PDB file of N, CA and C in Angstrom:
ATOM      1  N   MET A   1       4.861 -19.780   2.630  1.00  0.00           N
ATOM      2  CA  MET A   1       4.882 -19.644   1.882  1.00  0.00           C
ATOM      3  C   MET A   1       2.620 -18.899   2.245  1.00  0.00           C
ATOM      4  N   SER A   2       2.820 -17.634   1.967  1.00  0.00           N
ATOM      5  CA  SER A   2       1.263 -16.908   2.206  1.00  0.00           C
ATOM      6  C   SER A   2       0.716 -16.609   1.197  1.00  0.00           C
ATOM      7  N   GLU A   3      -0.778 -16.870   1.357  1.00  0.00           N
ATOM      8  CA  GLU A   3      -1.688 -16.915   0.207  1.00  0.00           C
ATOM      9  C   GLU A   3      -2.127 -15.629  -0.101  1.00  0.00           C
ATOM     10  N   ALA A   4      -2.133 -15.266  -1.502  1.00  0.00           N
ATOM     11  CA  ALA A   4      -2.705 -13.877  -1.797  1.00  0.00           C
ATOM     12  C   ALA A   4      -3.333 -13.698  -1.108  1.00  0.00           C
ATOM     13  N   PRO A   5      -3.620 -12.198  -0.751  1.00  0.00           N
ATOM     14  CA  PRO A   5      -5.181 -11.502  -0.261  1.00  0.00           C
ATOM     15  C   PRO A   5      -6.135 -11.318  -0.900  1.00  0.00           C
ATOM     16  N   ALA A   6      -6.659 -11.124  -0.928  1.00  0.00           N
ATOM     17  CA  ALA A   6      -8.137 -11.384  -0.965  1.00  0.00           C
ATOM     18  C   ALA A   6      -8.546  -9.482  -1.672  1.00  0.00           C
ATOM     19  N   PRO A   7      -8.668  -9.675  -2.861  1.00  0.00           N
ATOM     20  CA  PRO A   7      -9.607  -8.237  -3.086  1.00  0.00           C
ATOM     21  C   PRO A   7      -9.907  -6.774  -2.237  1.00  0.00           C
ATOM     22  N   GLY A   8     -10.378  -7.377  -1.310  1.00  0.00           N
ATOM     23  CA  GLY A   8     -11.404  -6.307  -0.658  1.00  0.00           C
ATOM     24  C   GLY A   8     -10.865  -6.207   0.596  1.00  0.00           C
ATOM     25  N   ASP A   9      -9.088  -7.058   0.744  1.00  0.00           N
ATOM     26  CA  ASP A   9      -8.590  -6.807   1.890  1.00  0.00           C
ATOM     27  C   ASP A   9      -7.887  -5.652   1.629  1.00  0.00           C
ATOM     28  N   GLU A  10      -7.967  -4.325   0.728  1.00  0.00           N
ATOM     29  CA  GLU A  10      -6.937  -3.706   0.741  1.00  0.00           C
ATOM     30  C   GLU A  10      -7.164  -2.009   1.466  1.00  0.00           C
ATOM     31  N   CYS A  11      -6.137  -1.324   1.920  1.00  0.00           N
ATOM     32  CA  CYS A  11      -6.776  -0.092   2.473  1.00  0.00           C
ATOM     33  C   CYS A  11      -5.609   0.521   1.921  1.00  0.00           C
ATOM     34  N   VAL A  12      -5.282   2.137   1.911  1.00  0.00           N
ATOM     35  CA  VAL A  12      -4.657   2.976   1.481  1.00  0.00           C
ATOM     36  C   VAL A  12      -5.142   4.846   2.112  1.00  0.00           C
ATOM     37  N   ALA A  13      -4.589   5.088   2.241  1.00  0.00           N
ATOM     38  CA  ALA A  13      -3.756   5.790   3.185  1.00  0.00           C
ATOM     39  C   ALA A  13      -3.020   7.409   2.836  1.00  0.00           C
ATOM     40  N   THR A  14      -3.009   8.383   2.655  1.00  0.00           N
ATOM     41  CA  THR A  14      -2.102   9.829   2.602  1.00  0.00           C
ATOM     42  C   THR A  14      -1.659  10.184   3.998  1.00  0.00           C
ATOM     43  N   VAL A  15      -0.318  10.501   3.854  1.00  0.00           N
ATOM     44  CA  VAL A  15       0.252  11.040   4.989  1.00  0.00           C
ATOM     45  C   VAL A  15       1.397  11.978   4.982  1.00  0.00           C
ATOM     46  N   GLU A  16       1.395  12.898   5.602  1.00  0.00           N
ATOM     47  CA  GLU A  16       2.305  14.200   5.465  1.00  0.00           C
ATOM     48  C   GLU A  16       3.119  13.564   6.436  1.00  0.00           C
ATOM     49  N   VAL A  17       4.598  13.224   6.130  1.00  0.00           N
ATOM     50  CA  VAL A  17       5.196  13.314   6.737  1.00  0.00           C
ATOM     51  C   VAL A  17       5.703  14.556   7.834  1.00  0.00           C
ATOM     52  N   ALA A  18       6.145  14.457   9.322  1.00  0.00           N
ATOM     53  CA  ALA A  18       5.842  15.127  10.354  1.00  0.00           C
ATOM     54  C   ALA A  18       6.932  15.474  10.815  1.00  0.00           C
ATOM     55  N   ASN A  19       8.221  13.875  10.692  1.00  0.00           N
ATOM     56  CA  ASN A  19       9.415  14.528  11.186  1.00  0.00           C
ATOM     57  C   ASN A  19      10.237  15.010  10.544  1.00  0.00           C
ATOM     58  N   PRO A  20      10.742  16.408  11.202  1.00  0.00           N
ATOM     59  CA  PRO A  20      11.363  17.919  10.601  1.00  0.00           C
ATOM     60  C   PRO A  20      13.152  16.862   9.951  1.00  0.00           C
ATOM     61  N   ASN A  21      13.156  16.073   9.699  1.00  0.00           N
ATOM     62  CA  ASN A  21      14.180  15.636   8.907  1.00  0.00           C
ATOM     63  C   ASN A  21      13.701  14.398   7.549  1.00  0.00           C
ATOM     64  N   GLY A  22      12.726  14.456   7.721  1.00  0.00           N
ATOM     65  CA  GLY A  22      11.711  13.428   6.847  1.00  0.00           C
ATOM     66  C   GLY A  22      12.022  11.873   6.523  1.00  0.00           C
ATOM     67  N   VAL A  23      12.258  10.969   6.491  1.00  0.00           N
ATOM     68  CA  VAL A  23      12.485   9.400   6.292  1.00  0.00           C
ATOM     69  C   VAL A  23      14.336   9.306   6.109  1.00  0.00           C
ATOM     70  N   HIS A  24      14.601   9.730   7.117  1.00  0.00           N
ATOM     71  CA  HIS A  24      16.118   8.672   7.097  1.00  0.00           C
ATOM     72  C   HIS A  24      16.235   7.880   7.741  1.00  0.00           C
ATOM     73  N   ALA A  25      17.462   7.037   7.546  1.00  0.00           N
ATOM     74  CA  ALA A  25      17.584   5.668   8.602  1.00  0.00           C
ATOM     75  C   ALA A  25      16.848   5.823   9.817  1.00  0.00           C
ATOM     76  N   ARG A  26      17.113   6.402  10.490  1.00  0.00           N
ATOM     77  CA  ARG A  26      15.484   6.289  11.620  1.00  0.00           C
ATOM     78  C   ARG A  26      14.609   5.261  10.931  1.00  0.00           C
ATOM     79  N   PRO A  27      14.108   6.768  11.065  1.00  0.00           N
ATOM     80  CA  PRO A  27      12.823   6.183  10.674  1.00  0.00           C
ATOM     81  C   PRO A  27      12.144   5.066   9.679  1.00  0.00           C
ATOM     82  N   SER A  28      13.301   4.636   8.783  1.00  0.00           N
ATOM     83  CA  SER A  28      13.209   3.339   7.731  1.00  0.00           C
ATOM     84  C   SER A  28      12.882   2.587   8.666  1.00  0.00           C
ATOM     85  N   HIS A  29      13.947   2.838   9.161  1.00  0.00           N
ATOM     86  CA  HIS A  29      13.762   1.241  10.648  1.00  0.00           C
ATOM     87  C   HIS A  29      12.142   0.808  11.130  1.00  0.00           C
ATOM     88  N   ARG A  30      12.054   1.941  11.739  1.00  0.00           N
ATOM     89  CA  ARG A  30      10.337   1.847  12.381  1.00  0.00           C
ATOM     90  C   ARG A  30      10.243   1.328  11.104  1.00  0.00           C
ATOM     91  N   ILE A  31       9.820   2.124  10.160  1.00  0.00           N
ATOM     92  CA  ILE A  31       8.455   1.855   8.997  1.00  0.00           C
ATOM     93  C   ILE A  31       8.643   0.471   8.502  1.00  0.00           C
ATOM     94  N   VAL A  32      10.185  -0.415   8.603  1.00  0.00           N
ATOM     95  CA  VAL A  32      10.163  -2.044   8.522  1.00  0.00           C
ATOM     96  C   VAL A  32       9.504  -2.754   9.350  1.00  0.00           C
ATOM     97  N   SER A  33      10.516  -2.114  10.407  1.00  0.00           N
ATOM     98  CA  SER A  33       9.371  -3.289  11.862  1.00  0.00           C
ATOM     99  C   SER A  33       8.059  -2.882  11.682  1.00  0.00           C
ATOM    100  N   LEU A  34       7.343  -2.133  11.945  1.00  0.00           N
ATOM    101  CA  LEU A  34       6.162  -1.956  12.242  1.00  0.00           C
ATOM    102  C   LEU A  34       5.448  -2.623  10.902  1.00  0.00           C
ATOM    103  N   ALA A  35       5.715  -2.689   9.196  1.00  0.00           N
ATOM    104  CA  ALA A  35       5.228  -3.559   8.425  1.00  0.00           C
ATOM    105  C   ALA A  35       5.706  -4.591   8.647  1.00  0.00           C
ATOM    106  N   GLN A  36       6.164  -5.281   9.517  1.00  0.00           N
ATOM    107  CA  GLN A  36       6.585  -6.392   9.767  1.00  0.00           C
ATOM    108  C   GLN A  36       5.872  -7.393  11.055  1.00  0.00           C
ATOM    109  N   ASP A  37       5.275  -6.121  11.347  1.00  0.00           N
ATOM    110  CA  ASP A  37       3.975  -6.414  12.195  1.00  0.00           C
ATOM    111  C   ASP A  37       2.706  -7.223  12.123  1.00  0.00           C
ATOM    112  N   PHE A  38       3.035  -7.016  11.205  1.00  0.00           N
ATOM    113  CA  PHE A  38       1.274  -7.162  10.251  1.00  0.00           C
ATOM    114  C   PHE A  38       0.907  -8.245   8.905  1.00  0.00           C
ATOM    115  N   ASP A  39       0.273  -8.935   9.326  1.00  0.00           N
ATOM    116  CA  ASP A  39       0.087 -10.092   8.241  1.00  0.00           C
ATOM    117  C   ASP A  39      -0.781  -9.285   6.677  1.00  0.00           C
ATOM    118  N   ALA A  40       0.467  -7.728   6.573  1.00  0.00           N
ATOM    119  CA  ALA A  40      -0.097  -7.231   5.074  1.00  0.00           C
ATOM    120  C   ALA A  40       1.051  -7.248   3.898  1.00  0.00           C
ATOM    121  N   GLU A  41       0.945  -6.996   2.935  1.00  0.00           N
ATOM    122  CA  GLU A  41       1.752  -6.578   1.992  1.00  0.00           C
ATOM    123  C   GLU A  41       1.132  -5.085   1.565  1.00  0.00           C
ATOM    124  N   VAL A  42       2.814  -4.527   2.907  1.00  0.00           N
ATOM    125  CA  VAL A  42       2.617  -2.959   2.978  1.00  0.00           C
ATOM    126  C   VAL A  42       3.629  -2.198   1.544  1.00  0.00           C
ATOM    127  N   GLU A  43       2.629  -1.571   0.913  1.00  0.00           N
ATOM    128  CA  GLU A  43       4.192  -0.130  -0.341  1.00  0.00           C
ATOM    129  C   GLU A  43       3.675   1.106   0.276  1.00  0.00           C
ATOM    130  N   LEU A  44       5.225   1.170  -0.017  1.00  0.00           N
ATOM    131  CA  LEU A  44       4.962   3.148   0.218  1.00  0.00           C
ATOM    132  C   LEU A  44       5.358   3.509  -1.173  1.00  0.00           C
ATOM    133  N   GLU A  45       4.610   4.661  -1.445  1.00  0.00           N
ATOM    134  CA  GLU A  45       4.074   5.208  -2.860  1.00  0.00           C
ATOM    135  C   GLU A  45       4.447   6.363  -2.473  1.00  0.00           C
ATOM    136  N   TYR A  46       5.739   7.433  -2.882  1.00  0.00           N
ATOM    137  CA  TYR A  46       5.924   9.152  -3.012  1.00  0.00           C
ATOM    138  C   TYR A  46       6.637   9.412  -4.724  1.00  0.00           C
ATOM    139  N   ASP A  47       6.349  10.546  -4.896  1.00  0.00           N
ATOM    140  CA  ASP A  47       6.747  10.955  -6.018  1.00  0.00           C
ATOM    141  C   ASP A  47       6.974  10.123  -7.118  1.00  0.00           C
ATOM    142  N   GLY A  48       5.774   9.589  -7.957  1.00  0.00           N
ATOM    143  CA  GLY A  48       6.030   8.172  -8.707  1.00  0.00           C
ATOM    144  C   GLY A  48       6.358   6.874  -8.165  1.00  0.00           C
ATOM    145  N   ARG A  49       6.905   6.942  -7.676  1.00  0.00           N
ATOM    146  CA  ARG A  49       8.101   5.814  -7.342  1.00  0.00           C
ATOM    147  C   ARG A  49       6.874   5.021  -6.242  1.00  0.00           C
ATOM    148  N   ARG A  50       7.766   3.653  -5.764  1.00  0.00           N
ATOM    149  CA  ARG A  50       7.109   2.815  -4.995  1.00  0.00           C
ATOM    150  C   ARG A  50       8.511   1.391  -4.536  1.00  0.00           C
ATOM    151  N   ALA A  51       7.627   1.777  -3.043  1.00  0.00           N
ATOM    152  CA  ALA A  51       8.984   0.497  -2.211  1.00  0.00           C
ATOM    153  C   ALA A  51       8.346  -0.173  -1.966  1.00  0.00           C
ATOM    154  N   GLU A  52       8.315  -1.311  -0.870  1.00  0.00           N
ATOM    155  CA  GLU A  52       8.094  -2.268  -0.452  1.00  0.00           C
ATOM    156  C   GLU A  52       8.094  -1.681   1.156  1.00  0.00           C
ATOM    157  N   ALA A  53       7.674  -1.815   1.875  1.00  0.00           N
ATOM    158  CA  ALA A  53       7.892  -1.583   3.092  1.00  0.00           C
ATOM    159  C   ALA A  53       8.682  -2.128   3.994  1.00  0.00           C
ATOM    160  N   ARG A  54       8.387  -2.925   3.668  1.00  0.00           N
ATOM    161  CA  ARG A  54      10.188  -4.731   4.136  1.00  0.00           C
ATOM    162  C   ARG A  54      11.447  -4.376   4.133  1.00  0.00           C
ATOM    163  N   SER A  55      11.860  -3.481   3.390  1.00  0.00           N
ATOM    164  CA  SER A  55      12.648  -3.091   2.968  1.00  0.00           C
ATOM    165  C   SER A  55      13.369  -1.949   3.329  1.00  0.00           C
ATOM    166  N   ILE A  56      14.759  -1.773   3.734  1.00  0.00           N
ATOM    167  CA  ILE A  56      14.792  -0.695   4.438  1.00  0.00           C
ATOM    168  C   ILE A  56      15.839  -0.008   3.394  1.00  0.00           C
ATOM    169  N   LEU A  57      16.253  -0.638   2.389  1.00  0.00           N
ATOM    170  CA  LEU A  57      16.982   0.093   1.188  1.00  0.00           C
ATOM    171  C   LEU A  57      15.867   0.624   0.518  1.00  0.00           C
ATOM    172  N   ALA A  58      14.797  -0.380  -0.081  1.00  0.00           N
ATOM    173  CA  ALA A  58      14.192  -0.099  -0.661  1.00  0.00           C
ATOM    174  C   ALA A  58      12.847   1.277   0.067  1.00  0.00           C
ATOM    175  N   VAL A  59      12.757   1.993   1.473  1.00  0.00           N
ATOM    176  CA  VAL A  59      12.117   2.942   2.060  1.00  0.00           C
ATOM    177  C   VAL A  59      13.131   4.344   2.345  1.00  0.00           C
ATOM    178  N   MET A  60      14.457   3.702   2.336  1.00  0.00           N
ATOM    179  CA  MET A  60      15.223   4.964   2.001  1.00  0.00           C
ATOM    180  C   MET A  60      15.669   5.655   0.959  1.00  0.00           C
ATOM    181  N   THR A  61      15.365   4.649  -0.322  1.00  0.00           N
ATOM    182  CA  THR A  61      15.684   5.391  -1.581  1.00  0.00           C
ATOM    183  C   THR A  61      14.861   6.287  -2.086  1.00  0.00           C
ATOM    184  N   LEU A  62      13.740   6.184  -1.721  1.00  0.00           N
ATOM    185  CA  LEU A  62      12.526   7.111  -2.251  1.00  0.00           C
ATOM    186  C   LEU A  62      12.683   8.291  -1.907  1.00  0.00           C
ATOM    187  N   GLY A  63      13.519   8.486  -0.354  1.00  0.00           N
ATOM    188  CA  GLY A  63      14.440   9.615  -0.390  1.00  0.00           C
ATOM    189  C   GLY A  63      13.129  10.799  -0.391  1.00  0.00           C
ATOM    190  N   VAL A  64      12.391  10.607   0.911  1.00  0.00           N
ATOM    191  CA  VAL A  64      11.554  11.174   1.333  1.00  0.00           C
ATOM    192  C   VAL A  64      11.215  11.939   2.433  1.00  0.00           C
ATOM    193  N   PRO A  65      11.150  13.731   1.652  1.00  0.00           N
ATOM    194  CA  PRO A  65      11.252  14.228   3.035  1.00  0.00           C
ATOM    195  C   PRO A  65      10.562  15.481   4.171  1.00  0.00           C
ATOM    196  N   PRO A  66      10.729  15.989   4.596  1.00  0.00           N
ATOM    197  CA  PRO A  66       9.840  16.245   5.346  1.00  0.00           C
ATOM    198  C   PRO A  66       8.986  17.173   4.586  1.00  0.00           C
ATOM    199  N   GLY A  67       7.331  17.044   5.186  1.00  0.00           N
ATOM    200  CA  GLY A  67       6.216  18.136   4.456  1.00  0.00           C
ATOM    201  C   GLY A  67       5.562  17.119   3.523  1.00  0.00           C
ATOM    202  N   ALA A  68       6.397  16.132   3.496  1.00  0.00           N
ATOM    203  CA  ALA A  68       5.988  14.777   1.830  1.00  0.00           C
ATOM    204  C   ALA A  68       4.687  14.138   2.097  1.00  0.00           C
ATOM    205  N   GLU A  69       4.072  14.229   1.085  1.00  0.00           N
ATOM    206  CA  GLU A  69       3.028  13.787   1.438  1.00  0.00           C
ATOM    207  C   GLU A  69       2.574  11.943   0.141  1.00  0.00           C
ATOM    208  N   LEU A  70       3.024  10.999   1.378  1.00  0.00           N
ATOM    209  CA  LEU A  70       3.272   9.763   0.951  1.00  0.00           C
ATOM    210  C   LEU A  70       2.331   8.795   1.478  1.00  0.00           C
ATOM    211  N   ARG A  71       2.448   8.169   0.157  1.00  0.00           N
ATOM    212  CA  ARG A  71       0.902   6.980  -0.209  1.00  0.00           C
ATOM    213  C   ARG A  71       1.214   5.971   0.776  1.00  0.00           C
ATOM    214  N   ILE A  72       0.343   5.424   2.008  1.00  0.00           N
ATOM    215  CA  ILE A  72       0.408   3.963   2.215  1.00  0.00           C
ATOM    216  C   ILE A  72      -0.437   2.900   1.646  1.00  0.00           C
ATOM    217  N   ARG A  73       0.163   1.717   0.928  1.00  0.00           N
ATOM    218  CA  ARG A  73      -0.996   1.016   0.367  1.00  0.00           C
ATOM    219  C   ARG A  73      -0.927  -0.538   0.969  1.00  0.00           C
ATOM    220  N   ALA A  74      -1.646  -1.352   1.636  1.00  0.00           N
ATOM    221  CA  ALA A  74      -1.414  -2.466   2.059  1.00  0.00           C
ATOM    222  C   ALA A  74      -2.527  -3.886   1.489  1.00  0.00           C
ATOM    223  N   ARG A  75      -2.097  -4.703   1.399  1.00  0.00           N
ATOM    224  CA  ARG A  75      -3.557  -5.542   1.058  1.00  0.00           C
ATOM    225  C   ARG A  75      -3.121  -6.797   1.725  1.00  0.00           C
ATOM    226  N   GLY A  76      -4.069  -7.812   2.717  1.00  0.00           N
ATOM    227  CA  GLY A  76      -4.004  -8.840   3.679  1.00  0.00           C
ATOM    228  C   GLY A  76      -4.389  -8.927   4.572  1.00  0.00           C
ATOM    229  N   PRO A  77      -5.131  -9.195   5.546  1.00  0.00           N
ATOM    230  CA  PRO A  77      -5.916  -9.558   6.441  1.00  0.00           C
ATOM    231  C   PRO A  77      -5.496  -8.323   8.439  1.00  0.00           C
ATOM    232  N   GLN A  78      -4.318  -8.250   7.642  1.00  0.00           N
ATOM    233  CA  GLN A  78      -4.237  -7.194   8.743  1.00  0.00           C
ATOM    234  C   GLN A  78      -3.864  -5.394   8.144  1.00  0.00           C
ATOM    235  N   ALA A  79      -4.140  -5.531   6.721  1.00  0.00           N
ATOM    236  CA  ALA A  79      -4.266  -4.333   6.328  1.00  0.00           C
ATOM    237  C   ALA A  79      -4.344  -2.689   6.790  1.00  0.00           C
ATOM    238  N   ALA A  80      -5.792  -2.700   6.448  1.00  0.00           N
ATOM    239  CA  ALA A  80      -6.107  -1.651   8.183  1.00  0.00           C
ATOM    240  C   ALA A  80      -5.233  -0.730   9.289  1.00  0.00           C
ATOM    241  N   GLU A  81      -5.194  -2.228  10.219  1.00  0.00           N
ATOM    242  CA  GLU A  81      -4.005  -2.311  11.048  1.00  0.00           C
ATOM    243  C   GLU A  81      -2.173  -1.457  10.837  1.00  0.00           C
ATOM    244  N   ALA A  82      -1.801  -1.726   9.901  1.00  0.00           N
ATOM    245  CA  ALA A  82      -0.904  -1.749   9.501  1.00  0.00           C
ATOM    246  C   ALA A  82      -0.938  -0.279   9.260  1.00  0.00           C
ATOM    247  N   VAL A  83      -1.391   0.239   8.179  1.00  0.00           N
ATOM    248  CA  VAL A  83      -1.808   0.900   7.200  1.00  0.00           C
ATOM    249  C   VAL A  83      -1.934   2.073   8.853  1.00  0.00           C
ATOM    250  N   ALA A  84      -2.896   1.805   9.832  1.00  0.00           N
ATOM    251  CA  ALA A  84      -3.395   2.572  10.491  1.00  0.00           C
ATOM    252  C   ALA A  84      -1.848   2.799  11.781  1.00  0.00           C
ATOM    253  N   ALA A  85      -1.387   1.778  11.558  1.00  0.00           N
ATOM    254  CA  ALA A  85       0.419   2.323  12.636  1.00  0.00           C
ATOM    255  C   ALA A  85       0.991   3.198  11.673  1.00  0.00           C
ATOM    256  N   LEU A  86       1.376   2.796  10.739  1.00  0.00           N
ATOM    257  CA  LEU A  86       2.178   3.811   9.728  1.00  0.00           C
ATOM    258  C   LEU A  86       1.478   5.145   9.535  1.00  0.00           C
ATOM    259  N   VAL A  87       0.903   5.258   9.629  1.00  0.00           N
ATOM    260  CA  VAL A  87      -0.126   6.932   9.475  1.00  0.00           C
ATOM    261  C   VAL A  87       0.000   7.618  11.362  1.00  0.00           C
ATOM    262  N   ALA A  88      -0.333   7.449  11.783  1.00  0.00           N
ATOM    263  CA  ALA A  88       0.258   7.130  13.074  1.00  0.00           C
ATOM    264  C   ALA A  88       2.290   8.046  13.466  1.00  0.00           C
ATOM    265  N   PHE A  89       2.614   7.015  12.802  1.00  0.00           N
ATOM    266  CA  PHE A  89       4.370   6.125  13.453  1.00  0.00           C
ATOM    267  C   PHE A  89       4.690   8.103  12.337  1.00  0.00           C
ATOM    268  N   LEU A  90       4.667   7.894  10.716  1.00  0.00           N
ATOM    269  CA  LEU A  90       4.663   8.885  10.193  1.00  0.00           C
ATOM    270  C   LEU A  90       3.561  10.524  10.448  1.00  0.00           C
ATOM    271  N   ALA A  91       2.551  10.135  11.083  1.00  0.00           N
ATOM    272  CA  ALA A  91       2.410  11.596  11.112  1.00  0.00           C
ATOM    273  C   ALA A  91       3.347  12.406  12.597  1.00  0.00           C
ATOM    274  N   ASP A  92       3.413  11.678  13.177  1.00  0.00           N
ATOM    275  CA  ASP A  92       3.747  12.023  14.546  1.00  0.00           C
ATOM    276  C   ASP A  92       5.558  12.860  14.538  1.00  0.00           C
ATOM    277  N   PRO A  93       5.307  14.364  15.147  1.00  0.00           N
ATOM    278  CA  PRO A  93       6.672  14.920  14.770  1.00  0.00           C
ATOM    279  C   PRO A  93       7.907  14.919  15.374  1.00  0.00           C
ATOM    280  N   ASP A  94       7.734  13.819  17.062  1.00  0.00           N
ATOM    281  CA  ASP A  94       8.416  13.313  17.481  1.00  0.00           C
ATOM    282  C   ASP A  94       8.438  11.542  17.091  1.00  0.00           C
ATOM    283  N   GLY A  95       8.662  11.186  16.308  1.00  0.00           N
ATOM    284  CA  GLY A  95       8.898   9.971  15.749  1.00  0.00           C
ATOM    285  C   GLY A  95      10.434   9.937  15.566  1.00  0.00           C
ATOM    286  N   PRO A  96      11.371   9.021  15.418  1.00  0.00           N
ATOM    287  CA  PRO A  96      12.342   9.167  15.570  1.00  0.00           C
ATOM    288  C   PRO A  96      13.014   9.361  13.922  1.00  0.00           C
TER     289      PRO A  96
END
């Protein structure tokens, strides 16, 4: 069981999804893998809906199209690193 993150350990960024197919199955899998690599709770926000980034079903059901702005919010000791990794991945048009 993990402790609740301290309030100051939050990081938020907005990124434009560069993948020409949007966030479909393969990018969703990569997002989940990246989120699991960090000691942080990561959440994605799109079109007024939120998804836990460690749940592939939640990420896929956001239905994020190419060019959409996706907000990434992370809380925890590695929040900044998690957000940076996800921003880099989502901003790369050559990502899966």
